[in-house]
Amino acid sequence: MLVENIAEELLQGALSFYSETVEEKLLALKDDYKFEYLLLRNVIENDKLDVGACELALQSIWEKLHTGVWHEVEQVWRDAYAVIGALKASSILSLAKEKMVSVGEQDSQ
C-alpha cells in the first residue's frame, strides 16, 4: 500500500537523520533545555508515534526558533524541528492507513 510505504520511509528517514545529526547535539544541551530534551526523547523513543506529542514538541521547538535573532538559533533546533515534523507526518499517514483499513473492513461486511 502506497500510504504505508511512504509512512515507513518517512519514519525511518527521520529516525536515521535524528541518530546521525540531532541526538548528540541535543544531548549536549540537555542541562540547559531539560524540558525540550525530555519532550523530544519521549517522541523519539515511543514505539507508537503520537500526533499530540509531536505537536507539543513542534510548538516548543517553534518557540526556540522564533525567539531572538534567527541566525543565533542553534542548528540543533532546526534539525529537531525537521525530524519531529517528519515523525508527525508519518504518524498522520499511519493513522490514515488504519482508517482506510477499518473502512475497508466495514465495507466487506
PDB file of N, CA and C in Angstrom:
ATOM      1  N   MET A   1       0.847  -1.173   0.000  1.00  0.00           N
ATOM      2  CA  MET A   1       0.000   0.000   0.000  1.00  0.00           C
ATOM      3  C   MET A   1       0.900   1.248   0.000  1.00  0.00           C
ATOM      4  N   LEU A   2       0.621   2.193  -0.856  1.00  0.00           N
ATOM      5  CA  LEU A   2       1.460   3.381  -1.032  1.00  0.00           C
ATOM      6  C   LEU A   2       1.579   4.209   0.244  1.00  0.00           C
ATOM      7  N   VAL A   3       0.476   4.435   0.948  1.00  0.00           N
ATOM      8  CA  VAL A   3       0.498   5.243   2.169  1.00  0.00           C
ATOM      9  C   VAL A   3       1.399   4.595   3.211  1.00  0.00           C
ATOM     10  N   GLU A   4       1.305   3.285   3.339  1.00  0.00           N
ATOM     11  CA  GLU A   4       2.121   2.553   4.309  1.00  0.00           C
ATOM     12  C   GLU A   4       3.603   2.695   3.983  1.00  0.00           C
ATOM     13  N   ASN A   5       3.959   2.584   2.704  1.00  0.00           N
ATOM     14  CA  ASN A   5       5.355   2.712   2.291  1.00  0.00           C
ATOM     15  C   ASN A   5       5.894   4.107   2.566  1.00  0.00           C
ATOM     16  N   ILE A   6       5.110   5.112   2.253  1.00  0.00           N
ATOM     17  CA  ILE A   6       5.540   6.490   2.476  1.00  0.00           C
ATOM     18  C   ILE A   6       5.731   6.748   3.966  1.00  0.00           C
ATOM     19  N   ALA A   7       4.767   6.298   4.780  1.00  0.00           N
ATOM     20  CA  ALA A   7       4.850   6.489   6.231  1.00  0.00           C
ATOM     21  C   ALA A   7       6.099   5.821   6.793  1.00  0.00           C
ATOM     22  N   GLU A   8       6.378   4.597   6.357  1.00  0.00           N
ATOM     23  CA  GLU A   8       7.541   3.864   6.860  1.00  0.00           C
ATOM     24  C   GLU A   8       8.848   4.509   6.411  1.00  0.00           C
ATOM     25  N   GLU A   9       8.930   4.924   5.153  1.00  0.00           N
ATOM     26  CA  GLU A   9      10.141   5.587   4.659  1.00  0.00           C
ATOM     27  C   GLU A   9      10.382   6.908   5.387  1.00  0.00           C
ATOM     28  N   LEU A  10       9.334   7.656   5.607  1.00  0.00           N
ATOM     29  CA  LEU A  10       9.426   8.919   6.331  1.00  0.00           C
ATOM     30  C   LEU A  10       9.902   8.679   7.757  1.00  0.00           C
ATOM     31  N   LEU A  11       9.333   7.680   8.413  1.00  0.00           N
ATOM     32  CA  LEU A  11       9.714   7.337   9.779  1.00  0.00           C
ATOM     33  C   LEU A  11      11.181   6.931   9.847  1.00  0.00           C
ATOM     34  N   GLN A  12      11.588   6.026   8.980  1.00  0.00           N
ATOM     35  CA  GLN A  12      12.976   5.549   9.006  1.00  0.00           C
ATOM     36  C   GLN A  12      13.971   6.656   8.660  1.00  0.00           C
ATOM     37  N   GLY A  13      13.618   7.487   7.690  1.00  0.00           N
ATOM     38  CA  GLY A  13      14.488   8.600   7.334  1.00  0.00           C
ATOM     39  C   GLY A  13      14.649   9.590   8.468  1.00  0.00           C
ATOM     40  N   ALA A  14      13.551   9.897   9.142  1.00  0.00           N
ATOM     41  CA  ALA A  14      13.600  10.844  10.263  1.00  0.00           C
ATOM     42  C   ALA A  14      14.412  10.289  11.418  1.00  0.00           C
ATOM     43  N   LEU A  15      14.206   9.015  11.739  1.00  0.00           N
ATOM     44  CA  LEU A  15      14.955   8.409  12.840  1.00  0.00           C
ATOM     45  C   LEU A  15      16.441   8.297  12.520  1.00  0.00           C
ATOM     46  N   SER A  16      16.744   7.996  11.272  1.00  0.00           N
ATOM     47  CA  SER A  16      18.136   7.922  10.852  1.00  0.00           C
ATOM     48  C   SER A  16      18.803   9.295  10.941  1.00  0.00           C
ATOM     49  N   PHE A  17      18.133  10.321  10.428  1.00  0.00           N
ATOM     50  CA  PHE A  17      18.666  11.680  10.493  1.00  0.00           C
ATOM     51  C   PHE A  17      18.848  12.101  11.942  1.00  0.00           C
ATOM     52  N   TYR A  18      17.882  11.737  12.784  1.00  0.00           N
ATOM     53  CA  TYR A  18      17.964  12.083  14.203  1.00  0.00           C
ATOM     54  C   TYR A  18      19.208  11.464  14.830  1.00  0.00           C
ATOM     55  N   SER A  19      19.404  10.166  14.617  1.00  0.00           N
ATOM     56  CA  SER A  19      20.525   9.483  15.272  1.00  0.00           C
ATOM     57  C   SER A  19      21.875   9.952  14.728  1.00  0.00           C
ATOM     58  N   GLU A  20      21.918  10.332  13.451  1.00  0.00           N
ATOM     59  CA  GLU A  20      23.177  10.768  12.850  1.00  0.00           C
ATOM     60  C   GLU A  20      23.486  12.240  13.113  1.00  0.00           C
ATOM     61  N   THR A  21      22.462  13.072  13.274  1.00  0.00           N
ATOM     62  CA  THR A  21      22.673  14.515  13.282  1.00  0.00           C
ATOM     63  C   THR A  21      22.246  15.197  14.566  1.00  0.00           C
ATOM     64  N   VAL A  22      21.104  14.839  15.101  1.00  0.00           N
ATOM     65  CA  VAL A  22      20.487  15.623  16.162  1.00  0.00           C
ATOM     66  C   VAL A  22      20.802  15.104  17.564  1.00  0.00           C
ATOM     67  N   GLU A  23      20.799  13.800  17.731  1.00  0.00           N
ATOM     68  CA  GLU A  23      20.855  13.210  19.072  1.00  0.00           C
ATOM     69  C   GLU A  23      22.033  13.702  19.907  1.00  0.00           C
ATOM     70  N   GLU A  24      23.234  13.659  19.364  1.00  0.00           N
ATOM     71  CA  GLU A  24      24.422  14.064  20.123  1.00  0.00           C
ATOM     72  C   GLU A  24      24.384  15.545  20.487  1.00  0.00           C
ATOM     73  N   LYS A  25      23.951  16.395  19.555  1.00  0.00           N
ATOM     74  CA  LYS A  25      23.866  17.832  19.818  1.00  0.00           C
ATOM     75  C   LYS A  25      22.822  18.123  20.887  1.00  0.00           C
ATOM     76  N   LEU A  26      21.715  17.411  20.813  1.00  0.00           N
ATOM     77  CA  LEU A  26      20.644  17.610  21.781  1.00  0.00           C
ATOM     78  C   LEU A  26      21.080  17.155  23.166  1.00  0.00           C
ATOM     79  N   LEU A  27      21.816  16.075  23.226  1.00  0.00           N
ATOM     80  CA  LEU A  27      22.322  15.570  24.489  1.00  0.00           C
ATOM     81  C   LEU A  27      23.232  16.609  25.158  1.00  0.00           C
ATOM     82  N   ALA A  28      24.008  17.321  24.367  1.00  0.00           N
ATOM     83  CA  ALA A  28      24.889  18.355  24.906  1.00  0.00           C
ATOM     84  C   ALA A  28      24.091  19.517  25.508  1.00  0.00           C
ATOM     85  N   LEU A  29      22.864  19.722  25.062  1.00  0.00           N
ATOM     86  CA  LEU A  29      22.045  20.833  25.547  1.00  0.00           C
ATOM     87  C   LEU A  29      21.075  20.426  26.654  1.00  0.00           C
ATOM     88  N   LYS A  30      21.076  19.154  27.035  1.00  0.00           N
ATOM     89  CA  LYS A  30      20.023  18.674  27.924  1.00  0.00           C
ATOM     90  C   LYS A  30      19.997  19.369  29.287  1.00  0.00           C
ATOM     91  N   ASP A  31      21.136  19.831  29.788  1.00  0.00           N
ATOM     92  CA  ASP A  31      21.135  20.527  31.078  1.00  0.00           C
ATOM     93  C   ASP A  31      20.462  21.888  30.980  1.00  0.00           C
ATOM     94  N   ASP A  32      20.661  22.574  29.864  1.00  0.00           N
ATOM     95  CA  ASP A  32      20.064  23.905  29.681  1.00  0.00           C
ATOM     96  C   ASP A  32      18.613  23.842  29.224  1.00  0.00           C
ATOM     97  N   TYR A  33      18.254  22.799  28.511  1.00  0.00           N
ATOM     98  CA  TYR A  33      16.906  22.672  27.947  1.00  0.00           C
ATOM     99  C   TYR A  33      16.303  21.326  28.334  1.00  0.00           C
ATOM    100  N   LYS A  34      16.185  21.068  29.617  1.00  0.00           N
ATOM    101  CA  LYS A  34      15.725  19.770  30.122  1.00  0.00           C
ATOM    102  C   LYS A  34      14.325  19.398  29.612  1.00  0.00           C
ATOM    103  N   PHE A  35      13.389  20.365  29.650  1.00  0.00           N
ATOM    104  CA  PHE A  35      12.020  20.084  29.208  1.00  0.00           C
ATOM    105  C   PHE A  35      12.000  19.679  27.740  1.00  0.00           C
ATOM    106  N   GLU A  36      12.646  20.467  26.902  1.00  0.00           N
ATOM    107  CA  GLU A  36      12.662  20.174  25.473  1.00  0.00           C
ATOM    108  C   GLU A  36      13.356  18.849  25.189  1.00  0.00           C
ATOM    109  N   TYR A  37      14.438  18.598  25.900  1.00  0.00           N
ATOM    110  CA  TYR A  37      15.173  17.342  25.718  1.00  0.00           C
ATOM    111  C   TYR A  37      14.273  16.144  26.041  1.00  0.00           C
ATOM    112  N   LEU A  38      13.608  16.201  27.191  1.00  0.00           N
ATOM    113  CA  LEU A  38      12.736  15.095  27.602  1.00  0.00           C
ATOM    114  C   LEU A  38      11.550  14.935  26.647  1.00  0.00           C
ATOM    115  N   LEU A  39      11.024  16.049  26.190  1.00  0.00           N
ATOM    116  CA  LEU A  39       9.906  16.024  25.252  1.00  0.00           C
ATOM    117  C   LEU A  39      10.308  15.332  23.948  1.00  0.00           C
ATOM    118  N   LEU A  40      11.462  15.700  23.416  1.00  0.00           N
ATOM    119  CA  LEU A  40      11.934  15.094  22.171  1.00  0.00           C
ATOM    120  C   LEU A  40      12.276  13.622  22.361  1.00  0.00           C
ATOM    121  N   ARG A  41      12.914  13.284  23.476  1.00  0.00           N
ATOM    122  CA  ARG A  41      13.233  11.877  23.733  1.00  0.00           C
ATOM    123  C   ARG A  41      11.960  11.042  23.819  1.00  0.00           C
ATOM    124  N   ASN A  42      10.924  11.596  24.444  1.00  0.00           N
ATOM    125  CA  ASN A  42       9.649  10.896  24.554  1.00  0.00           C
ATOM    126  C   ASN A  42       9.064  10.603  23.172  1.00  0.00           C
ATOM    127  N   VAL A  43       9.127  11.577  22.282  1.00  0.00           N
ATOM    128  CA  VAL A  43       8.591  11.380  20.928  1.00  0.00           C
ATOM    129  C   VAL A  43       9.422  10.343  20.179  1.00  0.00           C
ATOM    130  N   ILE A  44      10.730  10.442  20.254  1.00  0.00           N
ATOM    131  CA  ILE A  44      11.624   9.555  19.504  1.00  0.00           C
ATOM    132  C   ILE A  44      11.556   8.117  20.024  1.00  0.00           C
ATOM    133  N   GLU A  45      11.525   7.950  21.339  1.00  0.00           N
ATOM    134  CA  GLU A  45      11.615   6.611  21.917  1.00  0.00           C
ATOM    135  C   GLU A  45      10.271   5.890  22.009  1.00  0.00           C
ATOM    136  N   ASN A  46       9.182   6.594  21.789  1.00  0.00           N
ATOM    137  CA  ASN A  46       7.864   5.996  21.885  1.00  0.00           C
ATOM    138  C   ASN A  46       7.653   5.037  20.720  1.00  0.00           C
ATOM    139  N   ASP A  47       7.234   3.813  21.018  1.00  0.00           N
ATOM    140  CA  ASP A  47       7.019   2.812  19.965  1.00  0.00           C
ATOM    141  C   ASP A  47       5.905   3.214  19.007  1.00  0.00           C
ATOM    142  N   LYS A  48       4.863   3.819  19.532  1.00  0.00           N
ATOM    143  CA  LYS A  48       3.743   4.251  18.689  1.00  0.00           C
ATOM    144  C   LYS A  48       3.751   5.774  18.663  1.00  0.00           C
ATOM    145  N   LEU A  49       3.979   6.324  17.498  1.00  0.00           N
ATOM    146  CA  LEU A  49       4.046   7.782  17.382  1.00  0.00           C
ATOM    147  C   LEU A  49       2.708   8.408  17.748  1.00  0.00           C
ATOM    148  N   ASP A  50       2.785   9.487  18.473  1.00  0.00           N
ATOM    149  CA  ASP A  50       1.610  10.193  18.959  1.00  0.00           C
ATOM    150  C   ASP A  50       1.589  11.578  18.324  1.00  0.00           C
ATOM    151  N   VAL A  51       0.557  11.862  17.538  1.00  0.00           N
ATOM    152  CA  VAL A  51       0.453  13.150  16.852  1.00  0.00           C
ATOM    153  C   VAL A  51       0.458  14.292  17.875  1.00  0.00           C
ATOM    154  N   GLY A  52      -0.249  14.112  18.987  1.00  0.00           N
ATOM    155  CA  GLY A  52      -0.306  15.152  20.020  1.00  0.00           C
ATOM    156  C   GLY A  52       1.057  15.440  20.623  1.00  0.00           C
ATOM    157  N   ALA A  53       1.830  14.388  20.905  1.00  0.00           N
ATOM    158  CA  ALA A  53       3.179  14.577  21.462  1.00  0.00           C
ATOM    159  C   ALA A  53       4.084  15.269  20.439  1.00  0.00           C
ATOM    160  N   CYS A  54       3.944  14.889  19.178  1.00  0.00           N
ATOM    161  CA  CYS A  54       4.727  15.554  18.119  1.00  0.00           C
ATOM    162  C   CYS A  54       4.369  17.033  18.045  1.00  0.00           C
ATOM    163  N   GLU A  55       3.081  17.329  18.119  1.00  0.00           N
ATOM    164  CA  GLU A  55       2.635  18.719  18.033  1.00  0.00           C
ATOM    165  C   GLU A  55       3.160  19.535  19.208  1.00  0.00           C
ATOM    166  N   LEU A  56       3.136  18.964  20.404  1.00  0.00           N
ATOM    167  CA  LEU A  56       3.661  19.650  21.581  1.00  0.00           C
ATOM    168  C   LEU A  56       5.156  19.935  21.416  1.00  0.00           C
ATOM    169  N   ALA A  57       5.891  18.938  20.932  1.00  0.00           N
ATOM    170  CA  ALA A  57       7.329  19.123  20.698  1.00  0.00           C
ATOM    171  C   ALA A  57       7.569  20.192  19.631  1.00  0.00           C
ATOM    172  N   LEU A  58       6.775  20.163  18.563  1.00  0.00           N
ATOM    173  CA  LEU A  58       6.925  21.162  17.498  1.00  0.00           C
ATOM    174  C   LEU A  58       6.668  22.578  18.028  1.00  0.00           C
ATOM    175  N   GLN A  59       5.653  22.726  18.862  1.00  0.00           N
ATOM    176  CA  GLN A  59       5.356  24.052  19.419  1.00  0.00           C
ATOM    177  C   GLN A  59       6.491  24.540  20.305  1.00  0.00           C
ATOM    178  N   SER A  60       7.041  23.647  21.102  1.00  0.00           N
ATOM    179  CA  SER A  60       8.148  24.015  21.981  1.00  0.00           C
ATOM    180  C   SER A  60       9.380  24.428  21.169  1.00  0.00           C
ATOM    181  N   ILE A  61       9.684  23.659  20.139  1.00  0.00           N
ATOM    182  CA  ILE A  61      10.842  23.974  19.293  1.00  0.00           C
ATOM    183  C   ILE A  61      10.580  25.249  18.492  1.00  0.00           C
ATOM    184  N   TRP A  62       9.353  25.439  18.048  1.00  0.00           N
ATOM    185  CA  TRP A  62       8.997  26.647  17.306  1.00  0.00           C
ATOM    186  C   TRP A  62       9.333  27.890  18.130  1.00  0.00           C
ATOM    187  N   GLU A  63       9.065  27.817  19.426  1.00  0.00           N
ATOM    188  CA  GLU A  63       9.400  28.939  20.319  1.00  0.00           C
ATOM    189  C   GLU A  63      10.899  29.210  20.304  1.00  0.00           C
ATOM    190  N   LYS A  64      11.689  28.155  20.305  1.00  0.00           N
ATOM    191  CA  LYS A  64      13.153  28.312  20.260  1.00  0.00           C
ATOM    192  C   LYS A  64      13.575  28.954  18.934  1.00  0.00           C
ATOM    193  N   LEU A  65      12.919  28.550  17.862  1.00  0.00           N
ATOM    194  CA  LEU A  65      13.286  29.062  16.542  1.00  0.00           C
ATOM    195  C   LEU A  65      12.883  30.517  16.345  1.00  0.00           C
ATOM    196  N   HIS A  66      11.860  30.960  17.042  1.00  0.00           N
ATOM    197  CA  HIS A  66      11.322  32.300  16.810  1.00  0.00           C
ATOM    198  C   HIS A  66      11.514  33.254  17.987  1.00  0.00           C
ATOM    199  N   THR A  67      12.477  32.952  18.834  1.00  0.00           N
ATOM    200  CA  THR A  67      12.812  33.837  19.942  1.00  0.00           C
ATOM    201  C   THR A  67      14.217  34.377  19.699  1.00  0.00           C
ATOM    202  N   GLY A  68      14.330  35.680  19.636  1.00  0.00           N
ATOM    203  CA  GLY A  68      15.643  36.287  19.407  1.00  0.00           C
ATOM    204  C   GLY A  68      15.944  36.425  17.928  1.00  0.00           C
ATOM    205  N   VAL A  69      17.216  36.591  17.636  1.00  0.00           N
ATOM    206  CA  VAL A  69      17.691  36.784  16.266  1.00  0.00           C
ATOM    207  C   VAL A  69      17.839  35.414  15.592  1.00  0.00           C
ATOM    208  N   TRP A  70      17.283  35.281  14.399  1.00  0.00           N
ATOM    209  CA  TRP A  70      17.209  33.982  13.735  1.00  0.00           C
ATOM    210  C   TRP A  70      18.565  33.308  13.565  1.00  0.00           C
ATOM    211  N   HIS A  71      19.612  34.052  13.223  1.00  0.00           N
ATOM    212  CA  HIS A  71      20.902  33.415  12.954  1.00  0.00           C
ATOM    213  C   HIS A  71      21.652  33.019  14.223  1.00  0.00           C
ATOM    214  N   GLU A  72      21.111  33.385  15.389  1.00  0.00           N
ATOM    215  CA  GLU A  72      21.721  32.972  16.651  1.00  0.00           C
ATOM    216  C   GLU A  72      21.085  31.701  17.207  1.00  0.00           C
ATOM    217  N   VAL A  73      20.052  31.211  16.538  1.00  0.00           N
ATOM    218  CA  VAL A  73      19.391  29.972  16.969  1.00  0.00           C
ATOM    219  C   VAL A  73      20.302  28.799  16.612  1.00  0.00           C
ATOM    220  N   GLU A  74      20.505  27.903  17.569  1.00  0.00           N
ATOM    221  CA  GLU A  74      21.379  26.764  17.327  1.00  0.00           C
ATOM    222  C   GLU A  74      20.771  25.826  16.276  1.00  0.00           C
ATOM    223  N   GLN A  75      21.638  25.288  15.423  1.00  0.00           N
ATOM    224  CA  GLN A  75      21.213  24.412  14.320  1.00  0.00           C
ATOM    225  C   GLN A  75      20.428  23.203  14.819  1.00  0.00           C
ATOM    226  N   VAL A  76      20.725  22.735  16.012  1.00  0.00           N
ATOM    227  CA  VAL A  76      20.047  21.556  16.535  1.00  0.00           C
ATOM    228  C   VAL A  76      18.531  21.756  16.600  1.00  0.00           C
ATOM    229  N   TRP A  77      18.082  22.989  16.857  1.00  0.00           N
ATOM    230  CA  TRP A  77      16.640  23.227  16.931  1.00  0.00           C
ATOM    231  C   TRP A  77      16.000  23.147  15.547  1.00  0.00           C
ATOM    232  N   ARG A  78      16.704  23.610  14.528  1.00  0.00           N
ATOM    233  CA  ARG A  78      16.185  23.492  13.165  1.00  0.00           C
ATOM    234  C   ARG A  78      16.096  22.015  12.762  1.00  0.00           C
ATOM    235  N   ASP A  79      17.163  21.273  13.076  1.00  0.00           N
ATOM    236  CA  ASP A  79      17.190  19.844  12.749  1.00  0.00           C
ATOM    237  C   ASP A  79      16.113  19.087  13.515  1.00  0.00           C
ATOM    238  N   ALA A  80      15.974  19.393  14.795  1.00  0.00           N
ATOM    239  CA  ALA A  80      14.965  18.713  15.609  1.00  0.00           C
ATOM    240  C   ALA A  80      13.563  19.014  15.083  1.00  0.00           C
ATOM    241  N   TYR A  81      13.318  20.246  14.667  1.00  0.00           N
ATOM    242  CA  TYR A  81      12.016  20.626  14.120  1.00  0.00           C
ATOM    243  C   TYR A  81      11.711  19.806  12.865  1.00  0.00           C
ATOM    244  N   ALA A  82      12.728  19.641  12.015  1.00  0.00           N
ATOM    245  CA  ALA A  82      12.546  18.855  10.788  1.00  0.00           C
ATOM    246  C   ALA A  82      12.243  17.396  11.115  1.00  0.00           C
ATOM    247  N   VAL A  83      12.970  16.828  12.074  1.00  0.00           N
ATOM    248  CA  VAL A  83      12.770  15.430  12.450  1.00  0.00           C
ATOM    249  C   VAL A  83      11.377  15.221  13.037  1.00  0.00           C
ATOM    250  N   ILE A  84      10.994  16.059  13.981  1.00  0.00           N
ATOM    251  CA  ILE A  84       9.691  15.893  14.625  1.00  0.00           C
ATOM    252  C   ILE A  84       8.561  16.144  13.615  1.00  0.00           C
ATOM    253  N   GLY A  85       8.760  17.092  12.713  1.00  0.00           N
ATOM    254  CA  GLY A  85       7.762  17.324  11.658  1.00  0.00           C
ATOM    255  C   GLY A  85       7.584  16.092  10.782  1.00  0.00           C
ATOM    256  N   ALA A  86       8.676  15.437  10.443  1.00  0.00           N
ATOM    257  CA  ALA A  86       8.599  14.214   9.640  1.00  0.00           C
ATOM    258  C   ALA A  86       7.938  13.081  10.431  1.00  0.00           C
ATOM    259  N   LEU A  87       8.246  12.988  11.725  1.00  0.00           N
ATOM    260  CA  LEU A  87       7.609  11.967  12.561  1.00  0.00           C
ATOM    261  C   LEU A  87       6.108  12.215  12.684  1.00  0.00           C
ATOM    262  N   LYS A  88       5.729  13.484  12.786  1.00  0.00           N
ATOM    263  CA  LYS A  88       4.304  13.814  12.860  1.00  0.00           C
ATOM    264  C   LYS A  88       3.617  13.418  11.548  1.00  0.00           C
ATOM    265  N   ALA A  89       4.238  13.722  10.431  1.00  0.00           N
ATOM    266  CA  ALA A  89       3.661  13.360   9.129  1.00  0.00           C
ATOM    267  C   ALA A  89       3.537  11.842   9.005  1.00  0.00           C
ATOM    268  N   SER A  90       4.551  11.119   9.443  1.00  0.00           N
ATOM    269  CA  SER A  90       4.500   9.662   9.401  1.00  0.00           C
ATOM    270  C   SER A  90       3.369   9.129  10.268  1.00  0.00           C
ATOM    271  N   SER A  91       3.201   9.742  11.437  1.00  0.00           N
ATOM    272  CA  SER A  91       2.127   9.336  12.341  1.00  0.00           C
ATOM    273  C   SER A  91       0.754   9.579  11.719  1.00  0.00           C
ATOM    274  N   ILE A  92       0.593  10.717  11.092  1.00  0.00           N
ATOM    275  CA  ILE A  92      -0.683  11.038  10.438  1.00  0.00           C
ATOM    276  C   ILE A  92      -0.961  10.064   9.293  1.00  0.00           C
ATOM    277  N   LEU A  93       0.068   9.742   8.519  1.00  0.00           N
ATOM    278  CA  LEU A  93      -0.106   8.779   7.433  1.00  0.00           C
ATOM    279  C   LEU A  93      -0.466   7.397   7.971  1.00  0.00           C
ATOM    280  N   SER A  94       0.146   7.002   9.072  1.00  0.00           N
ATOM    281  CA  SER A  94      -0.176   5.706   9.675  1.00  0.00           C
ATOM    282  C   SER A  94      -1.622   5.672  10.158  1.00  0.00           C
ATOM    283  N   LEU A  95      -2.071   6.774  10.753  1.00  0.00           N
ATOM    284  CA  LEU A  95      -3.464   6.853  11.192  1.00  0.00           C
ATOM    285  C   LEU A  95      -4.412   6.787   9.996  1.00  0.00           C
ATOM    286  N   ALA A  96      -4.040   7.452   8.911  1.00  0.00           N
ATOM    287  CA  ALA A  96      -4.868   7.419   7.695  1.00  0.00           C
ATOM    288  C   ALA A  96      -4.951   5.995   7.153  1.00  0.00           C
ATOM    289  N   LYS A  97      -3.833   5.288   7.176  1.00  0.00           N
ATOM    290  CA  LYS A  97      -3.815   3.904   6.711  1.00  0.00           C
ATOM    291  C   LYS A  97      -4.734   3.038   7.572  1.00  0.00           C
ATOM    292  N   GLU A  98      -4.664   3.214   8.893  1.00  0.00           N
ATOM    293  CA  GLU A  98      -5.530   2.457   9.798  1.00  0.00           C
ATOM    294  C   GLU A  98      -7.008   2.734   9.509  1.00  0.00           C
ATOM    295  N   LYS A  99      -7.331   4.002   9.248  1.00  0.00           N
ATOM    296  CA  LYS A  99      -8.723   4.360   8.931  1.00  0.00           C
ATOM    297  C   LYS A  99      -9.155   3.708   7.630  1.00  0.00           C
ATOM    298  N   MET A 100      -8.264   3.716   6.622  1.00  0.00           N
ATOM    299  CA  MET A 100      -8.599   3.118   5.334  1.00  0.00           C
ATOM    300  C   MET A 100      -8.840   1.625   5.487  1.00  0.00           C
ATOM    301  N   VAL A 101      -8.025   0.956   6.292  1.00  0.00           N
ATOM    302  CA  VAL A 101      -8.196  -0.482   6.526  1.00  0.00           C
ATOM    303  C   VAL A 101      -9.512  -0.716   7.251  1.00  0.00           C
ATOM    304  N   SER A 102      -9.779   0.113   8.260  1.00  0.00           N
ATOM    305  CA  SER A 102     -11.016  -0.015   9.043  1.00  0.00           C
ATOM    306  C   SER A 102     -12.259   0.170   8.155  1.00  0.00           C
ATOM    307  N   VAL A 103     -12.217   1.164   7.288  1.00  0.00           N
ATOM    308  CA  VAL A 103     -13.339   1.415   6.373  1.00  0.00           C
ATOM    309  C   VAL A 103     -13.478   0.250   5.395  1.00  0.00           C
ATOM    310  N   GLY A 104     -12.355  -0.261   4.918  1.00  0.00           N
ATOM    311  CA  GLY A 104     -12.381  -1.405   4.001  1.00  0.00           C
ATOM    312  C   GLY A 104     -12.978  -2.639   4.644  1.00  0.00           C
ATOM    313  N   GLU A 105     -12.679  -2.855   5.925  1.00  0.00           N
ATOM    314  CA  GLU A 105     -13.245  -3.991   6.642  1.00  0.00           C
ATOM    315  C   GLU A 105     -14.744  -3.829   6.820  1.00  0.00           C
ATOM    316  N   GLN A 106     -15.191  -2.596   7.091  1.00  0.00           N
ATOM    317  CA  GLN A 106     -16.614  -2.344   7.250  1.00  0.00           C
ATOM    318  C   GLN A 106     -17.364  -2.550   5.933  1.00  0.00           C
ATOM    319  N   ASP A 107     -16.729  -2.141   4.823  1.00  0.00           N
ATOM    320  CA  ASP A 107     -17.365  -2.298   3.507  1.00  0.00           C
ATOM    321  C   ASP A 107     -17.520  -3.761   3.122  1.00  0.00           C
ATOM    322  N   SER A 108     -16.580  -4.608   3.565  1.00  0.00           N
ATOM    323  CA  SER A 108     -16.629  -6.014   3.173  1.00  0.00           C
ATOM    324  C   SER A 108     -17.626  -6.819   4.006  1.00  0.00           C
ATOM    325  N   GLN A 109     -18.148  -6.227   5.066  1.00  0.00           N
ATOM    326  CA  GLN A 109     -19.104  -6.955   5.920  1.00  0.00           C
ATOM    327  C   GLN A 109     -20.486  -6.846   5.404  1.00  0.00           C
TER     328      GLN A 109
END
